[in-house]
C-alpha atoms as a PDB file:
ATOM      1  CA  UNK A   1     116.134 117.138 119.625  1.00  0.00           C
ATOM      2  CA  UNK A   2     118.006 113.756 119.036  1.00  0.00           C
ATOM      3  CA  UNK A   3     115.136 112.351 117.016  1.00  0.00           C
ATOM      4  CA  UNK A   4     114.256 115.195 114.665  1.00  0.00           C
ATOM      5  CA  UNK A   5     115.790 116.326 111.300  1.00  0.00           C
ATOM      6  CA  UNK A   6     118.624 118.529 112.378  1.00  0.00           C
ATOM      7  CA  UNK A   7     117.183 121.642 110.718  1.00  0.00           C
ATOM      8  CA  UNK A   8     113.801 121.292 112.681  1.00  0.00           C
ATOM      9  CA  UNK A   9     115.655 120.412 115.872  1.00  0.00           C
ATOM     10  CA  UNK A  10     117.861 123.391 115.399  1.00  0.00           C
ATOM     11  CA  UNK A  11     114.898 125.775 115.231  1.00  0.00           C
ATOM     12  CA  UNK A  12     113.333 124.340 118.395  1.00  0.00           C
ATOM     13  CA  UNK A  13     116.792 124.638 120.200  1.00  0.00           C
ATOM     14  CA  UNK A  14     117.357 128.312 119.044  1.00  0.00           C
ATOM     15  CA  UNK A  15     113.763 129.222 120.087  1.00  0.00           C
ATOM     16  CA  UNK A  16     114.264 127.612 123.482  1.00  0.00           C
ATOM     17  CA  UNK A  17     117.594 129.259 124.010  1.00  0.00           C
ATOM     18  CA  UNK A  18     116.068 132.666 123.042  1.00  0.00           C
ATOM     19  CA  UNK A  19     112.991 132.314 125.213  1.00  0.00           C
ATOM     20  CA  UNK A  20     114.528 130.547 128.194  1.00  0.00           C
ATOM     21  CA  UNK A  21     118.117 131.660 128.574  1.00  0.00           C
ATOM     22  CA  UNK A  22     118.105 130.938 132.301  1.00  0.00           C
ATOM     23  CA  UNK A  23     116.558 127.484 132.061  1.00  0.00           C
ATOM     24  CA  UNK A  24     118.129 124.550 133.950  1.00  0.00           C
ATOM     25  CA  UNK A  25     117.572 122.494 130.866  1.00  0.00           C
ATOM     26  CA  UNK A  26     119.598 124.799 128.532  1.00  0.00           C
ATOM     27  CA  UNK A  27     122.956 123.121 129.282  1.00  0.00           C
ATOM     28  CA  UNK A  28     121.652 119.638 128.407  1.00  0.00           C
ATOM     29  CA  UNK A  29     119.911 120.858 125.334  1.00  0.00           C
ATOM     30  CA  UNK A  30     123.140 122.601 124.207  1.00  0.00           C
ATOM     31  CA  UNK A  31     125.033 119.455 124.561  1.00  0.00           C
ATOM     32  CA  UNK A  32     122.491 117.547 122.548  1.00  0.00           C
ATOM     33  CA  UNK A  33     122.371 120.300 119.854  1.00  0.00           C
ATOM     34  CA  UNK A  34     126.134 120.462 119.618  1.00  0.00           C
ATOM     35  CA  UNK A  35     126.322 116.588 119.267  1.00  0.00           C
ATOM     36  CA  UNK A  36     123.716 116.791 116.505  1.00  0.00           C
ATOM     37  CA  UNK A  37     125.576 119.589 114.647  1.00  0.00           C
ATOM     38  CA  UNK A  38     128.442 117.101 114.014  1.00  0.00           C
ATOM     39  CA  UNK A  39     126.151 115.093 111.632  1.00  0.00           C
ATOM     40  CA  UNK A  40     124.192 118.112 110.185  1.00  0.00           C
ATOM     41  CA  UNK A  41     123.615 118.513 106.515  1.00  0.00           C
ATOM     42  CA  UNK A  42     126.690 119.900 104.894  1.00  0.00           C
ATOM     43  CA  UNK A  43     129.190 118.516 107.500  1.00  0.00           C
ATOM     44  CA  UNK A  44     131.897 116.242 106.495  1.00  0.00           C
ATOM     45  CA  UNK A  45     130.803 112.650 107.140  1.00  0.00           C
ATOM     46  CA  UNK A  46     133.170 110.945 109.549  1.00  0.00           C
ATOM     47  CA  UNK A  47     135.693 108.960 107.793  1.00  0.00           C
ATOM     48  CA  UNK A  48     136.478 105.337 108.474  1.00  0.00           C
ATOM     49  CA  UNK A  49     138.032 102.190 107.260  1.00  0.00           C
ATOM     50  CA  UNK A  50     136.611  98.675 108.028  1.00  0.00           C
ATOM     51  CA  UNK A  51     137.048  95.210 106.615  1.00  0.00           C
ATOM     52  CA  UNK A  52     134.600  93.832 104.069  1.00  0.00           C
ATOM     53  CA  UNK A  53     133.470  90.214 103.773  1.00  0.00           C
ATOM     54  CA  UNK A  54     136.672  89.295 101.806  1.00  0.00           C
ATOM     55  CA  UNK A  55     139.006  90.776 104.508  1.00  0.00           C
ATOM     56  CA  UNK A  56     139.855  93.847 102.390  1.00  0.00           C
ATOM     57  CA  UNK A  57     139.742  97.312 103.675  1.00  0.00           C
ATOM     58  CA  UNK A  58     136.740  99.469 102.816  1.00  0.00           C
ATOM     59  CA  UNK A  59     137.033 103.189 103.445  1.00  0.00           C
ATOM     60  CA  UNK A  60     134.284 105.815 103.111  1.00  0.00           C
ATOM     61  CA  UNK A  61     136.788 107.799 100.912  1.00  0.00           C
ATOM     62  CA  UNK A  62     136.768 104.963  98.355  1.00  0.00           C
ATOM     63  CA  UNK A  63     133.341 106.280  97.338  1.00  0.00           C
ATOM     64  CA  UNK A  64     134.150 109.929  96.796  1.00  0.00           C
ATOM     65  CA  UNK A  65     132.392 111.038  93.674  1.00  0.00           C
ATOM     66  CA  UNK A  66     129.372 108.806  94.459  1.00  0.00           C
ATOM     67  CA  UNK A  67     126.348 109.132  96.556  1.00  0.00           C
ATOM     68  CA  UNK A  68     126.427 106.803  99.566  1.00  0.00           C
ATOM     69  CA  UNK A  69     123.278 105.469 101.271  1.00  0.00           C
ATOM     70  CA  UNK A  70     124.721 103.886 104.393  1.00  0.00           C
ATOM     71  CA  UNK A  71     122.792 101.289 106.498  1.00  0.00           C
ATOM     72  CA  UNK A  72     123.899 100.332 110.006  1.00  0.00           C
ATOM     73  CA  UNK A  73     122.222  97.038 110.752  1.00  0.00           C
ATOM     74  CA  UNK A  74     122.822  93.638 112.586  1.00  0.00           C
ATOM     75  CA  UNK A  75     121.670  90.127 111.949  1.00  0.00           C
ATOM     76  CA  UNK A  76     119.784  89.857 115.067  1.00  0.00           C
ATOM     77  CA  UNK A  77     117.718  93.059 114.342  1.00  0.00           C
ATOM     78  CA  UNK A  78     114.197  92.229 113.266  1.00  0.00           C
ATOM     79  CA  UNK A  79     113.526  95.683 111.762  1.00  0.00           C
ATOM     80  CA  UNK A  80     116.736  95.549 109.905  1.00  0.00           C
ATOM     81  CA  UNK A  81     115.924  92.187 108.379  1.00  0.00           C
ATOM     82  CA  UNK A  82     112.485  93.427 107.456  1.00  0.00           C
ATOM     83  CA  UNK A  83     113.987  96.365 105.512  1.00  0.00           C
ATOM     84  CA  UNK A  84     116.328  94.006 103.381  1.00  0.00           C
ATOM     85  CA  UNK A  85     113.787  93.200 100.625  1.00  0.00           C
ATOM     86  CA  UNK A  86     113.086  96.864 100.190  1.00  0.00           C
ATOM     87  CA  UNK A  87     116.831  97.508 100.170  1.00  0.00           C
ATOM     88  CA  UNK A  88     117.161  95.169  97.124  1.00  0.00           C
ATOM     89  CA  UNK A  89     114.353  97.009  95.332  1.00  0.00           C
ATOM     90  CA  UNK A  90     115.939 100.376  96.234  1.00  0.00           C
ATOM     91  CA  UNK A  91     119.361  99.220  94.997  1.00  0.00           C
ATOM     92  CA  UNK A  92     117.951  97.943  91.686  1.00  0.00           C
ATOM     93  CA  UNK A  93     116.038 101.340  91.130  1.00  0.00           C
ATOM     94  CA  UNK A  94     119.413 103.220  91.303  1.00  0.00           C
ATOM     95  CA  UNK A  95     121.424 100.502  89.422  1.00  0.00           C
ATOM     96  CA  UNK A  96     122.468 102.967  86.649  1.00  0.00           C
ATOM     97  CA  UNK A  97     123.364 105.834  88.957  1.00  0.00           C
ATOM     98  CA  UNK A  98     126.459 106.586  90.993  1.00  0.00           C
ATOM     99  CA  UNK A  99     125.092 105.552  94.343  1.00  0.00           C
ATOM    100  CA  UNK A 100     126.631 103.109  96.663  1.00  0.00           C
ATOM    101  CA  UNK A 101     124.704 101.027  99.030  1.00  0.00           C
ATOM    102  CA  UNK A 102     126.973 100.461 102.031  1.00  0.00           C
ATOM    103  CA  UNK A 103     125.908  98.026 104.724  1.00  0.00           C
ATOM    104  CA  UNK A 104     127.750  98.323 108.064  1.00  0.00           C
ATOM    105  CA  UNK A 105     127.067  95.472 110.413  1.00  0.00           C
ATOM    106  CA  UNK A 106     127.396  96.004 114.142  1.00  0.00           C
ATOM    107  CA  UNK A 107     127.059  92.365 114.932  1.00  0.00           C
ATOM    108  CA  UNK A 108     129.390  91.363 117.844  1.00  0.00           C
ATOM    109  CA  UNK A 109     130.270  88.256 116.106  1.00  0.00           C
ATOM    110  CA  UNK A 110     131.858  88.035 112.626  1.00  0.00           C
ATOM    111  CA  UNK A 111     130.152  84.635 112.005  1.00  0.00           C
ATOM    112  CA  UNK A 112     126.702  86.229 112.796  1.00  0.00           C
ATOM    113  CA  UNK A 113     127.380  89.018 110.316  1.00  0.00           C
ATOM    114  CA  UNK A 114     128.388  86.621 107.536  1.00  0.00           C
ATOM    115  CA  UNK A 115     125.472  84.320 108.200  1.00  0.00           C
ATOM    116  CA  UNK A 116     123.146  87.333 108.192  1.00  0.00           C
ATOM    117  CA  UNK A 117     124.524  88.439 104.881  1.00  0.00           C
ATOM    118  CA  UNK A 118     124.044  85.023 103.425  1.00  0.00           C
ATOM    119  CA  UNK A 119     120.557  84.308 104.787  1.00  0.00           C
ATOM    120  CA  UNK A 120     119.257  87.675 103.491  1.00  0.00           C
ATOM    121  CA  UNK A 121     121.012  87.503 100.171  1.00  0.00           C
ATOM    122  CA  UNK A 122     122.234  91.033 100.648  1.00  0.00           C
ATOM    123  CA  UNK A 123     123.730  92.831  97.680  1.00  0.00           C
ATOM    124  CA  UNK A 124     125.904  95.871  98.001  1.00  0.00           C
ATOM    125  CA  UNK A 125     129.127  96.754  99.829  1.00  0.00           C
ATOM    126  CA  UNK A 126     129.551  95.244 103.295  1.00  0.00           C
ATOM    127  CA  UNK A 127     131.548  96.217 106.237  1.00  0.00           C
ATOM    128  CA  UNK A 128     131.815  94.904 109.775  1.00  0.00           C
ATOM    129  CA  UNK A 129     132.142  97.241 112.856  1.00  0.00           C
ATOM    130  CA  UNK A 130     132.169  94.950 115.840  1.00  0.00           C
ATOM    131  CA  UNK A 131     129.308  96.228 118.058  1.00  0.00           C
ATOM    132  CA  UNK A 132     127.710  99.397 119.026  1.00  0.00           C
ATOM    133  CA  UNK A 133     130.788 100.541 121.003  1.00  0.00           C
ATOM    134  CA  UNK A 134     132.982 100.384 117.811  1.00  0.00           C
ATOM    135  CA  UNK A 135     134.417 103.695 116.823  1.00  0.00           C
ATOM    136  CA  UNK A 136     132.383 103.763 113.551  1.00  0.00           C
ATOM    137  CA  UNK A 137     128.896 103.512 114.891  1.00  0.00           C
ATOM    138  CA  UNK A 138     130.042 105.856 117.794  1.00  0.00           C
ATOM    139  CA  UNK A 139     131.247 108.380 115.330  1.00  0.00           C
ATOM    140  CA  UNK A 140     127.853 108.272 113.541  1.00  0.00           C
ATOM    141  CA  UNK A 141     126.097 108.497 117.140  1.00  0.00           C
ATOM    142  CA  UNK A 142     124.224 105.210 116.293  1.00  0.00           C
ATOM    143  CA  UNK A 143     122.220 104.277 119.342  1.00  0.00           C
ATOM    144  CA  UNK A 144     119.624 102.042 117.634  1.00  0.00           C
ATOM    145  CA  UNK A 145     119.286 100.242 114.347  1.00  0.00           C
ATOM    146  CA  UNK A 146     118.548 100.172 111.639  1.00  0.00           C
ATOM    147  CA  UNK A 147     120.127 103.645 111.167  1.00  0.00           C
ATOM    148  CA  UNK A 148     120.670 105.251 107.712  1.00  0.00           C
ATOM    149  CA  UNK A 149     122.854 108.064 106.466  1.00  0.00           C
ATOM    150  CA  UNK A 150     122.867 109.667 103.044  1.00  0.00           C
ATOM    151  CA  UNK A 151     126.296 111.134 102.042  1.00  0.00           C
ATOM    152  CA  UNK A 152     126.882 113.459  99.007  1.00  0.00           C
ATOM    153  CA  UNK A 153     129.494 112.915  96.337  1.00  0.00           C
ATOM    154  CA  UNK A 154     131.869 115.377  97.974  1.00  0.00           C
ATOM    155  CA  UNK A 155     131.757 113.376 101.311  1.00  0.00           C
ATOM    156  CA  UNK A 156     129.504 115.807 103.164  1.00  0.00           C
ATOM    157  CA  UNK A 157     126.259 114.607 105.040  1.00  0.00           C
ATOM    158  CA  UNK A 158     123.212 115.066 102.967  1.00  0.00           C
ATOM    159  CA  UNK A 159     120.780 113.670 105.431  1.00  0.00           C
ATOM    160  CA  UNK A 160     121.439 111.967 108.721  1.00  0.00           C
ATOM    161  CA  UNK A 161     117.998 110.603 108.976  1.00  0.00           C
ATOM    162  CA  UNK A 162     116.948 109.657 105.447  1.00  0.00           C
ATOM    163  CA  UNK A 163     113.876 107.518 104.973  1.00  0.00           C
ATOM    164  CA  UNK A 164     114.099 103.731 105.398  1.00  0.00           C
ATOM    165  CA  UNK A 165     114.125 101.620 102.209  1.00  0.00           C
ATOM    166  CA  UNK A 166     110.483 100.677 102.960  1.00  0.00           C
ATOM    167  CA  UNK A 167     109.413 104.337 102.861  1.00  0.00           C
ATOM    168  CA  UNK A 168     108.742 105.687  99.328  1.00  0.00           C
ATOM    169  CA  UNK A 169     110.370 109.081 100.420  1.00  0.00           C
ATOM    170  CA  UNK A 170     113.723 107.292 100.199  1.00  0.00           C
ATOM    171  CA  UNK A 171     113.703 107.617  96.406  1.00  0.00           C
ATOM    172  CA  UNK A 172     113.323 111.448  96.705  1.00  0.00           C
ATOM    173  CA  UNK A 173     115.839 111.615  99.467  1.00  0.00           C
ATOM    174  CA  UNK A 174     118.463 109.828  97.308  1.00  0.00           C
ATOM    175  CA  UNK A 175     117.722 111.967  94.308  1.00  0.00           C
ATOM    176  CA  UNK A 176     118.162 115.039  96.457  1.00  0.00           C
ATOM    177  CA  UNK A 177     121.782 113.966  96.986  1.00  0.00           C
ATOM    178  CA  UNK A 178     122.363 114.136  93.366  1.00  0.00           C
ATOM    179  CA  UNK A 179     120.912 117.527  93.125  1.00  0.00           C
ATOM    180  CA  UNK A 180     123.083 118.760  96.074  1.00  0.00           C
ATOM    181  CA  UNK A 181     126.224 117.065  95.114  1.00  0.00           C
ATOM    182  CA  UNK A 182     128.780 118.737  92.792  1.00  0.00           C
END
């Protein structure tokens, strides 16, 4: 249930609950389901305020009215680093649209975060959440990286598992956020 699109996971959960109401596994599945419900499409995205690379506060609410493609990453993460050239291409493709590319680093060290941004030539809006145990990755239930989230212009979750920048489906996912957003 944790690794599927919520709508698919919800279908499996409801079928299991209906067919096996006395199962010993139902309590655990219910916990996982309820946790996933928090980040389901249409739910308000958890708000936060972090510092950017200039020491200024950046809040998710700053981007209300824009689609937000949020990327949790770290400088030490090989798959995160491999996605960055594709992120640049993706950002360029949506340059004339109201979409924000927000990169939230979970590096433990601020120096590592800054060096990672510099080495990769990352473009976009940056924020630093110190480690996996920081409240921001915790509120988004980030257990592995890279992790992506797509947020509608009204601040609701569009997709808690959008495609990575290297997957061509990401363009369709971002376009869908424009169609769903007021």
